Structures are given as C-alpha cells and as structure tokens.
Amino acid sequence: MIVVTGATGGLGGATVEHLLERIPADRIGVSVRDAAKAQHLADRGVRVRQGAYEDPVALRDSFDGAEQVLLVSGNDPAADMVGLHRNAVEAAVAAGARRILYTSQHGAVPGNPYRPSDIHIATEAILGDSGVPWTALRNGAYGPLDQVLGPWQRTGVIAQPEDGPVPYTDRADVAEATAVVLAGDRSFDGPVTLTAPSAVTFDDLSRIASGLTGRSVKRVVPDDEQWVADQITTGVPEPMARLMLTWYQAARAGWFAETGPLLAELLGREPRTVADRLAARIAA
C-alpha cells in the first residue's frame, strides 16, 4: 500500500488522483487531518484514516500496512515544522514503511538564504538517520506565478525585488511525476531534483508576457526595503514579507538556478513551460 499525507491539499490531492490512474484504489491510503474532507476518495475505494503530524499515535495508525509513505511537507511558519516532520518520519518507521518519500524544496542545501530551506535540510537529515530507504523530491517552485509576479495583468508591471534564474515548475507536473515515482519500479535514493527544464528571470517573464498579451509588460526593480514597505501597506504582515524577501534574495544569488532532466523523463514528455502557464492564465 502507498499512503499519502496531505491528500486534501493541492499537491497531495493531485498526486492521489494520478495514483488512481495507475494502481487499484485499494492499494492507496491517505492520512488526512479531517477525514470528512476526503470522503470523495473513500467513495472511490481509497483507505482514508485520520492523521496529523501533531498526533504520532494517529499517524502510526494511518500509516499501518504502508510499503511507501509520501510525506507532504508542512508550511506553517509559526509551527515547529522540523519537529512535526520528525513525528511523521518516526511514525512511518514504526509502522514498518519500506520507503519514505518527502516533498522537499529545490535548492535545499546549506547556505541558501531562503529560510524554509532550513526546514527541508533538517528533515532530509532526519530521513537520512531513519534507517529506512528514503527519497527527497526537491521540487522546483510550483506555486501560482501570480504569487511571485504580483498583479502584472492589472498593472502591466512586474514590480518585484531583484531576482535570478528560477525553473518555475507546474504543480500538476510535479504531482504526476510524484505518482510515477510512487507507482513505478524505479527507486530513487536520497534527494532528486524535479524542475522545469529551463530557468528564467523576471526580465524573461516580462518579455514573454508582453509577447502573449500584445502590450508592454515592464519590469521594475524596487529596493528591497521599499518592496517590504509596499507589501505591508497592502496588508501583508512584516514577518511574512521579510520571509518572502529571502526567496528573492536566494534567487538572485543563484540558489534556484539548477535544472534537471528527471521531471521530463518521469512524465515522458516536456513539462509545461512558463509561457504555457502564462498563456493559460491570460486565457482564463
């Protein structure tokens, strides 16, 4: 059995959908905080059990019988995510899982100034000490492009801090590739990189957006502190704005520039490009 955590979230839920296309439903389990929200999966034959990273006992029950467990990383900046991930790893080991997979982050290496990198680095170390074979899926940035570009469609301007090359990756592609890894015969030990095949900058994106819209989309580079102040005026708490600033700082220093062919290999096709994604956003 393959057990997936976070199956009512975006990445976990999409991964389960792709698993259902590849293996029988009775070989899939999900560990979710609220079982009622996963009723649509139970109705299709998926085993649904309640489990939260804060509750090691429930986690062990939800992982029971799993050959593989996919731990979808948490992202609550106010929580002790390393401790919660440790609970999940220990529960998977106690349940007898033969392999633990973890959704890590592209560029999760020491020195990266983007603060969530520390969580992934620490969690990968916990996995390494677990005594169980493990895989860390270092996924490229797969959030909505509007989160990093800002309201460019309305303003005609990409006004974000100085950046650097990033292989922005489609979440749907990441989910499909994750399902391929879980359901396939090929094992991956340790960290592997799953990214779009090319890294682009905001200058590149402004040119792409201009070509797709037929109007000039300008790239403006505000000072870091001015950008933080602007975020605060729009209602973003200062700690969150400064956390996001470390992402731009990491990008400009090249921490996210690496790309790799594995995502395309797993998909059996080329992943969606930023041009594809922007075109879909414009057409929506």
Protein backbone atom coordinates (compact mmCIF):
# COMPACT_ATOMS: atom_id res chain seq x y z
CA MET A 1 0.00 0.00 0.00
CA ILE A 2 1.03 3.59 -0.70
CA VAL A 3 -0.09 6.13 1.90
CA VAL A 4 -0.16 9.83 1.03
CA THR A 5 -0.36 12.62 3.61
CA GLY A 6 -1.93 15.99 2.90
CA ALA A 7 -4.29 14.33 0.42
CA THR A 8 -6.91 17.08 0.75
CA GLY A 9 -4.33 19.72 -0.23
CA GLY A 10 -3.25 20.80 -3.67
CA LEU A 11 -0.13 18.70 -4.26
CA GLY A 12 -1.18 15.67 -2.20
CA GLY A 13 -4.65 15.59 -3.69
CA ALA A 14 -3.38 15.81 -7.26
CA THR A 15 -0.84 13.07 -6.55
CA VAL A 16 -3.60 10.74 -5.34
CA GLU A 17 -5.62 11.44 -8.49
CA HIS A 18 -2.65 10.42 -10.63
CA LEU A 19 -2.09 7.32 -8.49
CA LEU A 20 -5.71 6.29 -9.09
CA GLU A 21 -4.96 6.27 -12.82
CA ARG A 22 -2.07 3.86 -12.27
CA ILE A 23 -2.89 1.42 -9.48
CA PRO A 24 -6.05 -0.01 -7.87
CA ALA A 25 -7.72 2.20 -5.29
CA ASP A 26 -7.38 -0.47 -2.60
CA ARG A 27 -3.60 -0.08 -2.81
CA ILE A 28 -3.85 3.61 -1.89
CA GLY A 29 -4.32 5.09 1.56
CA VAL A 30 -4.45 8.68 2.71
CA SER A 31 -3.63 10.24 6.05
CA VAL A 32 -5.61 13.44 6.47
CA ARG A 33 -6.35 15.89 9.24
CA ASP A 34 -10.11 15.84 8.53
CA ALA A 35 -11.38 12.52 7.16
CA ALA A 36 -14.68 14.09 6.13
CA LYS A 37 -12.87 16.19 3.55
CA ALA A 38 -11.54 13.00 1.93
CA GLN A 39 -14.94 11.31 1.59
CA HIS A 40 -14.69 11.67 -2.19
CA LEU A 41 -11.63 9.41 -2.05
CA ALA A 42 -13.24 6.91 0.31
CA ASP A 43 -16.18 6.67 -2.10
CA ARG A 44 -13.72 5.55 -4.78
CA GLY A 45 -12.19 2.81 -2.63
CA VAL A 46 -9.21 4.67 -1.14
CA ARG A 47 -8.47 3.90 2.51
CA VAL A 48 -8.99 7.10 4.50
CA ARG A 49 -7.67 7.47 8.02
CA GLN A 50 -7.29 10.49 10.25
CA GLY A 51 -3.73 11.51 10.94
CA ALA A 52 -1.95 14.76 11.69
CA TYR A 53 1.74 15.44 12.20
CA GLU A 54 0.89 16.69 15.70
CA ASP A 55 -0.54 13.28 16.65
CA PRO A 56 2.08 10.49 16.39
CA VAL A 57 -0.33 7.79 17.58
CA ALA A 58 -2.91 8.59 14.90
CA LEU A 59 -0.14 8.83 12.32
CA ARG A 60 1.09 5.33 13.07
CA ASP A 61 -2.43 4.01 12.62
CA SER A 62 -2.90 5.90 9.36
CA PHE A 63 0.43 4.53 8.06
CA ASP A 64 -0.32 0.92 9.08
CA GLY A 65 0.39 -1.54 6.27
CA ALA A 66 2.15 1.02 4.08
CA GLU A 67 5.06 -0.10 1.95
CA GLN A 68 5.65 3.53 0.96
CA VAL A 69 4.63 6.74 2.68
CA LEU A 70 4.63 10.13 0.96
CA LEU A 71 5.15 12.91 3.49
CA VAL A 72 3.93 16.19 2.05
CA SER A 73 5.90 18.91 3.82
CA GLY A 74 4.09 21.39 6.04
CA ASN A 75 4.43 25.13 5.52
CA ASP A 76 3.14 26.80 8.69
CA PRO A 77 5.79 29.46 9.54
CA ALA A 78 4.53 29.60 13.13
CA ALA A 79 4.90 25.86 13.78
CA ASP A 80 7.89 23.71 14.63
CA MET A 81 7.87 22.07 11.22
CA VAL A 82 11.10 20.14 11.79
CA GLY A 83 9.65 18.58 14.93
CA LEU A 84 6.38 17.79 13.15
CA HIS A 85 8.22 16.22 10.23
CA ARG A 86 10.24 14.17 12.73
CA ASN A 87 6.95 12.87 14.16
CA ALA A 88 5.88 11.81 10.69
CA VAL A 89 9.16 10.09 9.85
CA GLU A 90 9.21 8.23 13.16
CA ALA A 91 5.58 7.16 12.68
CA ALA A 92 6.34 5.82 9.21
CA VAL A 93 9.33 3.87 10.55
CA ALA A 94 7.25 2.49 13.44
CA ALA A 95 4.52 1.44 11.00
CA GLY A 96 7.05 -0.60 9.01
CA ALA A 97 7.23 1.51 5.85
CA ARG A 98 9.87 0.24 3.46
CA ARG A 99 10.44 3.64 1.86
CA ILE A 100 9.63 7.21 2.90
CA LEU A 101 9.25 9.92 0.28
CA TYR A 102 9.25 13.59 1.24
CA THR A 103 8.32 16.68 -0.73
CA SER A 104 11.43 18.78 -0.27
CA GLN A 105 12.46 22.00 -1.98
CA HIS A 106 14.66 22.86 -4.91
CA GLY A 107 17.92 24.29 -3.62
CA ALA A 108 17.57 22.78 -0.13
CA VAL A 109 21.28 22.96 0.63
CA PRO A 110 23.24 24.70 3.40
CA GLY A 111 23.76 28.39 2.83
CA ASN A 112 20.54 29.07 0.98
CA PRO A 113 19.17 32.30 2.48
CA TYR A 114 15.55 31.32 1.88
CA ARG A 115 14.55 30.40 5.41
CA PRO A 116 12.24 27.43 4.69
CA SER A 117 15.29 25.73 3.17
CA ASP A 118 16.48 25.09 6.74
CA ILE A 119 13.34 23.03 7.41
CA HIS A 120 13.92 20.83 4.39
CA ILE A 121 17.62 20.41 5.10
CA ALA A 122 16.86 19.33 8.67
CA THR A 123 14.08 16.98 7.55
CA GLU A 124 16.32 15.35 4.96
CA ALA A 125 18.87 14.77 7.74
CA ILE A 126 16.16 13.10 9.86
CA LEU A 127 15.31 10.87 6.91
CA GLY A 128 18.97 10.01 6.49
CA ASP A 129 19.14 8.88 10.11
CA SER A 130 15.87 6.94 9.99
CA GLY A 131 17.33 3.62 8.88
CA VAL A 132 14.70 3.34 6.13
CA PRO A 133 15.32 3.96 2.40
CA TRP A 134 14.14 7.46 1.54
CA THR A 135 13.66 9.86 -1.32
CA ALA A 136 13.54 13.64 -1.10
CA LEU A 137 11.73 15.16 -4.05
CA ARG A 138 13.34 18.57 -4.37
CA ASN A 139 10.56 20.25 -6.29
CA GLY A 140 11.01 23.42 -8.27
CA ALA A 141 8.93 26.45 -7.27
CA TYR A 142 5.41 25.32 -8.21
CA GLY A 143 3.16 27.96 -6.68
CA PRO A 144 0.92 30.15 -8.85
CA LEU A 145 3.02 32.54 -10.89
CA ASP A 146 0.95 35.47 -9.63
CA GLN A 147 2.37 34.82 -6.17
CA VAL A 148 5.84 35.77 -7.36
CA LEU A 149 5.00 38.15 -10.21
CA GLY A 150 2.38 40.25 -8.43
CA PRO A 151 -0.68 41.80 -10.15
CA TRP A 152 1.07 42.24 -13.51
CA GLN A 153 -2.07 41.64 -15.59
CA ARG A 154 -3.80 44.60 -13.97
CA THR A 155 -0.81 46.94 -13.73
CA GLY A 156 1.24 45.96 -16.77
CA VAL A 157 4.26 45.92 -14.45
CA ILE A 158 6.29 43.20 -12.75
CA ALA A 159 7.44 45.20 -9.73
CA GLN A 160 9.34 42.73 -7.57
CA PRO A 161 12.80 42.74 -5.97
CA GLU A 162 15.91 41.84 -7.92
CA ASP A 163 15.73 38.17 -8.83
CA GLY A 164 17.68 35.47 -10.63
CA PRO A 165 17.01 32.42 -12.79
CA VAL A 166 14.36 30.03 -11.46
CA PRO A 167 12.86 26.97 -13.21
CA TYR A 168 9.25 27.73 -12.34
CA THR A 169 7.51 24.35 -12.38
CA ASP A 170 3.86 23.41 -12.82
CA ARG A 171 2.34 21.79 -9.74
CA ALA A 172 0.32 19.43 -11.91
CA ASP A 173 3.54 18.13 -13.47
CA VAL A 174 5.13 17.67 -10.04
CA ALA A 175 2.09 15.72 -8.82
CA GLU A 176 2.07 13.47 -11.87
CA ALA A 177 5.80 12.78 -11.57
CA THR A 178 5.41 12.01 -7.86
CA ALA A 179 2.73 9.44 -8.68
CA VAL A 180 5.01 7.91 -11.32
CA VAL A 181 7.77 7.51 -8.73
CA LEU A 182 5.41 6.01 -6.15
CA ALA A 183 3.72 3.58 -8.54
CA GLY A 184 6.77 2.66 -10.61
CA ASP A 185 9.52 0.09 -10.33
CA ARG A 186 12.38 2.61 -10.35
CA SER A 187 13.72 3.62 -6.94
CA PHE A 188 15.47 6.88 -6.13
CA ASP A 189 17.66 7.12 -3.07
CA GLY A 190 18.27 10.44 -1.35
CA PRO A 191 17.50 13.82 -2.90
CA VAL A 192 16.40 14.18 -6.52
CA THR A 193 15.60 17.39 -8.38
CA LEU A 194 12.26 17.83 -10.14
CA THR A 195 12.15 21.08 -12.09
CA ALA A 196 11.06 22.55 -15.39
CA PRO A 197 13.87 22.22 -17.95
CA SER A 198 14.81 25.90 -18.11
CA ALA A 199 15.31 28.68 -15.57
CA VAL A 200 14.00 32.16 -16.30
CA THR A 201 14.22 35.61 -14.73
CA PHE A 202 11.58 38.29 -14.34
CA ASP A 203 13.14 40.07 -17.33
CA ASP A 204 12.44 36.92 -19.36
CA LEU A 205 8.93 36.71 -17.98
CA SER A 206 8.18 40.34 -18.81
CA ARG A 207 9.20 39.70 -22.42
CA ILE A 208 7.13 36.51 -22.57
CA ALA A 209 4.11 38.26 -21.06
CA SER A 210 4.50 41.17 -23.48
CA GLY A 211 4.53 38.80 -26.43
CA LEU A 212 1.50 36.89 -25.21
CA THR A 213 -0.61 39.95 -24.38
CA GLY A 214 0.47 42.21 -27.22
CA ARG A 215 1.16 45.02 -24.78
CA SER A 216 4.26 46.14 -22.97
CA VAL A 217 4.74 44.49 -19.59
CA LYS A 218 7.50 46.40 -17.84
CA ARG A 219 10.00 45.02 -15.35
CA VAL A 220 10.56 47.37 -12.41
CA VAL A 221 13.05 46.59 -9.62
CA PRO A 222 12.18 48.24 -6.30
CA ASP A 223 14.66 48.45 -3.46
CA ASP A 224 14.29 45.55 -1.02
CA GLU A 225 13.17 47.74 1.87
CA GLN A 226 10.77 49.68 -0.33
CA TRP A 227 9.27 46.40 -1.52
CA VAL A 228 8.79 45.24 2.08
CA ALA A 229 7.13 48.56 2.94
CA ASP A 230 4.85 48.25 -0.09
CA GLN A 231 3.84 44.74 0.96
CA ILE A 232 2.99 45.94 4.45
CA THR A 233 0.75 48.66 3.05
CA THR A 234 -1.23 46.01 1.16
CA GLY A 235 -1.86 44.11 4.39
CA VAL A 236 0.96 41.55 4.34
CA PRO A 237 2.41 41.10 7.86
CA GLU A 238 6.01 42.31 8.01
CA PRO A 239 7.44 38.92 9.09
CA MET A 240 5.81 37.27 6.07
CA ALA A 241 7.06 39.99 3.73
CA ARG A 242 10.61 39.59 5.03
CA LEU A 243 10.33 35.82 4.70
CA MET A 244 9.35 36.18 1.04
CA LEU A 245 12.17 38.66 0.53
CA THR A 246 14.65 35.90 1.38
CA TRP A 247 13.23 33.93 -1.56
CA TYR A 248 14.08 36.74 -3.98
CA GLN A 249 17.48 37.13 -2.36
CA ALA A 250 18.15 33.42 -2.80
CA ALA A 251 17.05 33.56 -6.43
CA ARG A 252 19.31 36.50 -7.24
CA ALA A 253 22.24 34.65 -5.68
CA GLY A 254 21.62 31.66 -7.94
CA TRP A 255 20.37 29.16 -5.36
CA PHE A 256 17.47 28.12 -7.59
CA ALA A 257 19.23 28.20 -10.96
CA GLU A 258 19.84 24.45 -11.24
CA THR A 259 17.64 22.48 -13.62
CA GLY A 260 17.49 18.78 -14.39
CA PRO A 261 16.02 16.31 -16.89
CA LEU A 262 14.34 13.96 -14.42
CA LEU A 263 10.90 15.59 -14.43
CA ALA A 264 10.64 15.24 -18.20
CA GLU A 265 11.91 11.65 -18.01
CA LEU A 266 9.25 10.69 -15.47
CA LEU A 267 6.47 12.40 -17.40
CA GLY A 268 7.54 11.01 -20.75
CA ARG A 269 7.04 14.48 -22.23
CA GLU A 270 8.25 18.02 -21.80
CA PRO A 271 6.89 19.75 -18.69
CA ARG A 272 4.75 22.85 -19.08
CA THR A 273 6.78 26.00 -19.59
CA VAL A 274 6.19 29.39 -18.02
CA ALA A 275 4.94 30.55 -21.41
CA ASP A 276 2.36 27.75 -21.35
CA ARG A 277 1.28 28.69 -17.86
CA LEU A 278 1.10 32.42 -18.55
CA ALA A 279 -0.91 31.81 -21.71
CA ALA A 280 -3.38 29.69 -19.73
CA ARG A 281 -3.62 32.40 -17.05
CA ILE A 282 -4.29 35.07 -19.67
CA ALA A 283 -6.96 32.96 -21.33
CA ALA A 284 -8.72 32.16 -18.06
